[in-house]
Amino acid sequence: MPPLVLSVDDCRAAHDRMLARGVEFTQEPTERYGNVDAGFRDPSGNGWKMIEVRR
């Protein structure tokens, strides 16, 4: 199953807030193709992709 996608305004800031609350990240924020994205798992083990799209 592909990861669920969450769109955010600032991926790095969201990553820092979520990390401080104990979220398990599988991928640190990474810039690619003009966007920044990070991967994490929810408590049920589902994979999520958090994406900041530059406007």
PDB file of N, CA and C in Angstrom:
ATOM      1  N   MET A   1       0.854  -1.180   0.000  1.00  0.00           N
ATOM      2  CA  MET A   1       0.000   0.000   0.000  1.00  0.00           C
ATOM      3  C   MET A   1       0.896   1.237   0.000  1.00  0.00           C
ATOM      4  N   PRO A   2       0.629   2.198  -0.877  1.00  0.00           N
ATOM      5  CA  PRO A   2       1.442   3.417  -0.906  1.00  0.00           C
ATOM      6  C   PRO A   2       1.219   4.226   0.373  1.00  0.00           C
ATOM      7  N   PRO A   3       2.190   5.061   0.733  1.00  0.00           N
ATOM      8  CA  PRO A   3       2.022   5.865   1.955  1.00  0.00           C
ATOM      9  C   PRO A   3       0.907   6.887   1.800  1.00  0.00           C
ATOM     10  N   LEU A   4       0.330   7.253   2.913  1.00  0.00           N
ATOM     11  CA  LEU A   4      -0.647   8.327   2.945  1.00  0.00           C
ATOM     12  C   LEU A   4       0.134   9.637   2.852  1.00  0.00           C
ATOM     13  N   VAL A   5      -0.478  10.680   2.318  1.00  0.00           N
ATOM     14  CA  VAL A   5       0.234  11.935   2.078  1.00  0.00           C
ATOM     15  C   VAL A   5      -0.401  13.063   2.874  1.00  0.00           C
ATOM     16  N   LEU A   6       0.456  13.836   3.529  1.00  0.00           N
ATOM     17  CA  LEU A   6       0.048  14.993   4.303  1.00  0.00           C
ATOM     18  C   LEU A   6       0.755  16.213   3.721  1.00  0.00           C
ATOM     19  N   SER A   7       0.006  17.222   3.318  1.00  0.00           N
ATOM     20  CA  SER A   7       0.577  18.444   2.762  1.00  0.00           C
ATOM     21  C   SER A   7       0.746  19.461   3.887  1.00  0.00           C
ATOM     22  N   VAL A   8       1.946  20.053   3.994  1.00  0.00           N
ATOM     23  CA  VAL A   8       2.232  21.026   5.055  1.00  0.00           C
ATOM     24  C   VAL A   8       2.877  22.275   4.452  1.00  0.00           C
ATOM     25  N   ASP A   9       2.795  23.382   5.187  1.00  0.00           N
ATOM     26  CA  ASP A   9       3.400  24.633   4.725  1.00  0.00           C
ATOM     27  C   ASP A   9       4.912  24.644   4.924  1.00  0.00           C
ATOM     28  N   ASP A  10       5.401  24.026   6.008  1.00  0.00           N
ATOM     29  CA  ASP A  10       6.828  24.025   6.334  1.00  0.00           C
ATOM     30  C   ASP A  10       7.200  22.645   6.857  1.00  0.00           C
ATOM     31  N   CYS A  11       7.764  21.820   6.009  1.00  0.00           N
ATOM     32  CA  CYS A  11       8.066  20.429   6.344  1.00  0.00           C
ATOM     33  C   CYS A  11       9.072  20.318   7.486  1.00  0.00           C
ATOM     34  N   ARG A  12      10.109  21.135   7.455  1.00  0.00           N
ATOM     35  CA  ARG A  12      11.138  21.043   8.501  1.00  0.00           C
ATOM     36  C   ARG A  12      10.583  21.439   9.875  1.00  0.00           C
ATOM     37  N   ALA A  13       9.770  22.476   9.927  1.00  0.00           N
ATOM     38  CA  ALA A  13       9.167  22.900  11.194  1.00  0.00           C
ATOM     39  C   ALA A  13       8.184  21.845  11.699  1.00  0.00           C
ATOM     40  N   ALA A  14       7.375  21.291  10.801  1.00  0.00           N
ATOM     41  CA  ALA A  14       6.430  20.236  11.189  1.00  0.00           C
ATOM     42  C   ALA A  14       7.190  19.008  11.689  1.00  0.00           C
ATOM     43  N   HIS A  15       8.294  18.670  11.017  1.00  0.00           N
ATOM     44  CA  HIS A  15       9.134  17.546  11.438  1.00  0.00           C
ATOM     45  C   HIS A  15       9.636  17.769  12.863  1.00  0.00           C
ATOM     46  N   ASP A  16      10.151  18.956  13.149  1.00  0.00           N
ATOM     47  CA  ASP A  16      10.680  19.253  14.487  1.00  0.00           C
ATOM     48  C   ASP A  16       9.594  19.147  15.555  1.00  0.00           C
ATOM     49  N   ARG A  17       8.397  19.682  15.268  1.00  0.00           N
ATOM     50  CA  ARG A  17       7.288  19.611  16.235  1.00  0.00           C
ATOM     51  C   ARG A  17       6.870  18.167  16.489  1.00  0.00           C
ATOM     52  N   MET A  18       6.740  17.398  15.412  1.00  0.00           N
ATOM     53  CA  MET A  18       6.289  16.006  15.538  1.00  0.00           C
ATOM     54  C   MET A  18       7.353  15.143  16.209  1.00  0.00           C
ATOM     55  N   LEU A  19       8.616  15.364  15.880  1.00  0.00           N
ATOM     56  CA  LEU A  19       9.717  14.619  16.486  1.00  0.00           C
ATOM     57  C   LEU A  19       9.749  14.857  17.994  1.00  0.00           C
ATOM     58  N   ALA A  20       9.521  16.099  18.423  1.00  0.00           N
ATOM     59  CA  ALA A  20       9.499  16.437  19.844  1.00  0.00           C
ATOM     60  C   ALA A  20       8.365  15.728  20.576  1.00  0.00           C
ATOM     61  N   ARG A  21       7.329  15.337  19.827  1.00  0.00           N
ATOM     62  CA  ARG A  21       6.186  14.628  20.426  1.00  0.00           C
ATOM     63  C   ARG A  21       6.303  13.117  20.291  1.00  0.00           C
ATOM     64  N   GLY A  22       7.452  12.645  19.802  1.00  0.00           N
ATOM     65  CA  GLY A  22       7.704  11.212  19.769  1.00  0.00           C
ATOM     66  C   GLY A  22       7.328  10.481  18.497  1.00  0.00           C
ATOM     67  N   VAL A  23       7.037  11.206  17.413  1.00  0.00           N
ATOM     68  CA  VAL A  23       6.696  10.550  16.147  1.00  0.00           C
ATOM     69  C   VAL A  23       7.938   9.846  15.595  1.00  0.00           C
ATOM     70  N   GLU A  24       7.763   8.610  15.109  1.00  0.00           N
ATOM     71  CA  GLU A  24       8.850   7.818  14.539  1.00  0.00           C
ATOM     72  C   GLU A  24       9.022   8.177  13.061  1.00  0.00           C
ATOM     73  N   PHE A  25      10.111   8.856  12.730  1.00  0.00           N
ATOM     74  CA  PHE A  25      10.377   9.228  11.345  1.00  0.00           C
ATOM     75  C   PHE A  25      11.217   8.163  10.660  1.00  0.00           C
ATOM     76  N   THR A  26      10.850   7.848   9.434  1.00  0.00           N
ATOM     77  CA  THR A  26      11.593   6.883   8.625  1.00  0.00           C
ATOM     78  C   THR A  26      12.480   7.596   7.612  1.00  0.00           C
ATOM     79  N   GLN A  27      12.256   8.902   7.441  1.00  0.00           N
ATOM     80  CA  GLN A  27      13.057   9.713   6.522  1.00  0.00           C
ATOM     81  C   GLN A  27      13.060  11.150   7.016  1.00  0.00           C
ATOM     82  N   GLU A  28      14.232  11.700   7.192  1.00  0.00           N
ATOM     83  CA  GLU A  28      14.380  13.101   7.581  1.00  0.00           C
ATOM     84  C   GLU A  28      13.913  13.995   6.426  1.00  0.00           C
ATOM     85  N   PRO A  29      13.558  15.261   6.697  1.00  0.00           N
ATOM     86  CA  PRO A  29      13.175  16.166   5.609  1.00  0.00           C
ATOM     87  C   PRO A  29      14.288  16.243   4.558  1.00  0.00           C
ATOM     88  N   THR A  30      13.897  16.022   3.317  1.00  0.00           N
ATOM     89  CA  THR A  30      14.831  15.993   2.198  1.00  0.00           C
ATOM     90  C   THR A  30      14.280  16.837   1.067  1.00  0.00           C
ATOM     91  N   GLU A  31      15.144  17.664   0.475  1.00  0.00           N
ATOM     92  CA  GLU A  31      14.716  18.481  -0.658  1.00  0.00           C
ATOM     93  C   GLU A  31      14.949  17.713  -1.948  1.00  0.00           C
ATOM     94  N   ARG A  32      13.915  17.624  -2.767  1.00  0.00           N
ATOM     95  CA  ARG A  32      14.038  17.006  -4.086  1.00  0.00           C
ATOM     96  C   ARG A  32      12.997  17.603  -5.032  1.00  0.00           C
ATOM     97  N   TYR A  33      13.451  17.885  -6.202  1.00  0.00           N
ATOM     98  CA  TYR A  33      12.590  18.408  -7.272  1.00  0.00           C
ATOM     99  C   TYR A  33      11.822  19.664  -6.858  1.00  0.00           C
ATOM    100  N   GLY A  34      12.428  20.509  -6.024  1.00  0.00           N
ATOM    101  CA  GLY A  34      11.785  21.752  -5.617  1.00  0.00           C
ATOM    102  C   GLY A  34      10.828  21.625  -4.458  1.00  0.00           C
ATOM    103  N   ASN A  35      10.682  20.439  -3.904  1.00  0.00           N
ATOM    104  CA  ASN A  35       9.805  20.196  -2.758  1.00  0.00           C
ATOM    105  C   ASN A  35      10.635  19.649  -1.604  1.00  0.00           C
ATOM    106  N   VAL A  36      10.097  19.710  -0.398  1.00  0.00           N
ATOM    107  CA  VAL A  36      10.724  19.089   0.764  1.00  0.00           C
ATOM    108  C   VAL A  36       9.748  18.050   1.277  1.00  0.00           C
ATOM    109  N   ASP A  37      10.251  16.827   1.556  1.00  0.00           N
ATOM    110  CA  ASP A  37       9.371  15.796   2.083  1.00  0.00           C
ATOM    111  C   ASP A  37      10.071  14.993   3.166  1.00  0.00           C
ATOM    112  N   ALA A  38       9.272  14.328   4.000  1.00  0.00           N
ATOM    113  CA  ALA A  38       9.770  13.480   5.076  1.00  0.00           C
ATOM    114  C   ALA A  38       8.805  12.308   5.225  1.00  0.00           C
ATOM    115  N   GLY A  39       9.294  11.198   5.744  1.00  0.00           N
ATOM    116  CA  GLY A  39       8.454  10.019   5.950  1.00  0.00           C
ATOM    117  C   GLY A  39       8.351   9.677   7.422  1.00  0.00           C
ATOM    118  N   PHE A  40       7.177   9.211   7.852  1.00  0.00           N
ATOM    119  CA  PHE A  40       6.991   8.803   9.245  1.00  0.00           C
ATOM    120  C   PHE A  40       5.916   7.721   9.333  1.00  0.00           C
ATOM    121  N   ARG A  41       5.825   7.112  10.513  1.00  0.00           N
ATOM    122  CA  ARG A  41       4.813   6.077  10.769  1.00  0.00           C
ATOM    123  C   ARG A  41       3.881   6.538  11.883  1.00  0.00           C
ATOM    124  N   ASP A  42       2.606   6.181  11.734  1.00  0.00           N
ATOM    125  CA  ASP A  42       1.664   6.475  12.806  1.00  0.00           C
ATOM    126  C   ASP A  42       1.704   5.321  13.818  1.00  0.00           C
ATOM    127  N   PRO A  43       0.984   5.433  14.944  1.00  0.00           N
ATOM    128  CA  PRO A  43       1.038   4.381  15.966  1.00  0.00           C
ATOM    129  C   PRO A  43       0.596   2.997  15.469  1.00  0.00           C
ATOM    130  N   SER A  44      -0.169   2.937  14.395  1.00  0.00           N
ATOM    131  CA  SER A  44      -0.595   1.647  13.840  1.00  0.00           C
ATOM    132  C   SER A  44       0.412   1.080  12.848  1.00  0.00           C
ATOM    133  N   GLY A  45       1.481   1.824  12.578  1.00  0.00           N
ATOM    134  CA  GLY A  45       2.515   1.363  11.655  1.00  0.00           C
ATOM    135  C   GLY A  45       2.304   1.762  10.212  1.00  0.00           C
ATOM    136  N   ASN A  46       1.274   2.565   9.935  1.00  0.00           N
ATOM    137  CA  ASN A  46       1.023   3.024   8.571  1.00  0.00           C
ATOM    138  C   ASN A  46       2.084   4.037   8.154  1.00  0.00           C
ATOM    139  N   GLY A  47       2.559   3.927   6.927  1.00  0.00           N
ATOM    140  CA  GLY A  47       3.541   4.865   6.400  1.00  0.00           C
ATOM    141  C   GLY A  47       2.882   6.127   5.889  1.00  0.00           C
ATOM    142  N   TRP A  48       3.459   7.263   6.247  1.00  0.00           N
ATOM    143  CA  TRP A  48       2.992   8.573   5.808  1.00  0.00           C
ATOM    144  C   TRP A  48       4.132   9.312   5.127  1.00  0.00           C
ATOM    145  N   LYS A  49       3.791  10.157   4.171  1.00  0.00           N
ATOM    146  CA  LYS A  49       4.740  11.060   3.526  1.00  0.00           C
ATOM    147  C   LYS A  49       4.216  12.467   3.770  1.00  0.00           C
ATOM    148  N   MET A  50       5.057  13.308   4.347  1.00  0.00           N
ATOM    149  CA  MET A  50       4.702  14.699   4.608  1.00  0.00           C
ATOM    150  C   MET A  50       5.425  15.533   3.553  1.00  0.00           C
ATOM    151  N   ILE A  51       4.689  16.335   2.796  1.00  0.00           N
ATOM    152  CA  ILE A  51       5.267  17.063   1.670  1.00  0.00           C
ATOM    153  C   ILE A  51       4.977  18.560   1.779  1.00  0.00           C
ATOM    154  N   GLU A  52       6.034  19.354   1.599  1.00  0.00           N
ATOM    155  CA  GLU A  52       5.915  20.808   1.501  1.00  0.00           C
ATOM    156  C   GLU A  52       6.119  21.145   0.028  1.00  0.00           C
ATOM    157  N   VAL A  53       5.101  21.701  -0.582  1.00  0.00           N
ATOM    158  CA  VAL A  53       5.190  22.077  -1.997  1.00  0.00           C
ATOM    159  C   VAL A  53       5.501  23.562  -2.059  1.00  0.00           C
ATOM    160  N   ARG A  54       6.570  23.890  -2.733  1.00  0.00           N
ATOM    161  CA  ARG A  54       6.959  25.300  -2.877  1.00  0.00           C
ATOM    162  C   ARG A  54       6.029  25.974  -3.876  1.00  0.00           C
ATOM    163  N   ARG A  55       5.598  27.159  -3.524  1.00  0.00           N
ATOM    164  CA  ARG A  55       4.670  27.881  -4.401  1.00  0.00           C
ATOM    165  C   ARG A  55       5.381  29.010  -5.068  1.00  0.00           C
TER     166      ARG A  55
END
